[in-house]
Amino acid sequence: MRPAVALLMLSLAPLTLAGEAAGTIKISRGDAHIVRGGQQLPATPGQHVEVSDSILTGSDGTVGITLNDDTRLTAGPDSTLELRRFVFDSTTHQGSLDASVQRGSLSVISGKIAKASPEAVSFSSPSVTLGVRGTRFIIKAGQEEN
């Protein structure tokens, strides 16, 4: 393959960048919002989630999101989830995912990026950063002590 053709194919590869849809809200119950560009939007099923969005849920809120690589995220009540980076090539399944749970809980079922390159996926909380080596896990952050 000629280098010019390879460069053209690489530049046309579908990637997800800031401001583009990284995924879709599949379910939303109770008090749930997306914070995008300083504006708070209701989190409704079918709505796109973008890189740099924050997902906020209230005491009765739950949001289920499917990212474009089939990663499934479920934010429980009183949660704050920040999608800091998401890049995905749907042809090669290469990319990267970086998300943060500032408070509350997040259930994760990893998708195609984690299967292709697990080192490219990370989740963090205020006290820890997790690399993904499995397929399902739950993060709890900022829980009140009894």
Foldseek 3Di string as FASTA:
>chain_A
DDPVVVVVVVVPFDKADAPGFFWFWQDKDAAKWKQDPNDTHGRHGGDGDGAQIKIAAAQQIKIWIQGPQRKIKIFDHGWIKHFHDWIAGPVQRAIATEMEIAAGKMKIFDGSNCVNPQQRYWYYYPVDIDGDDDGIDMDHYDDDDD
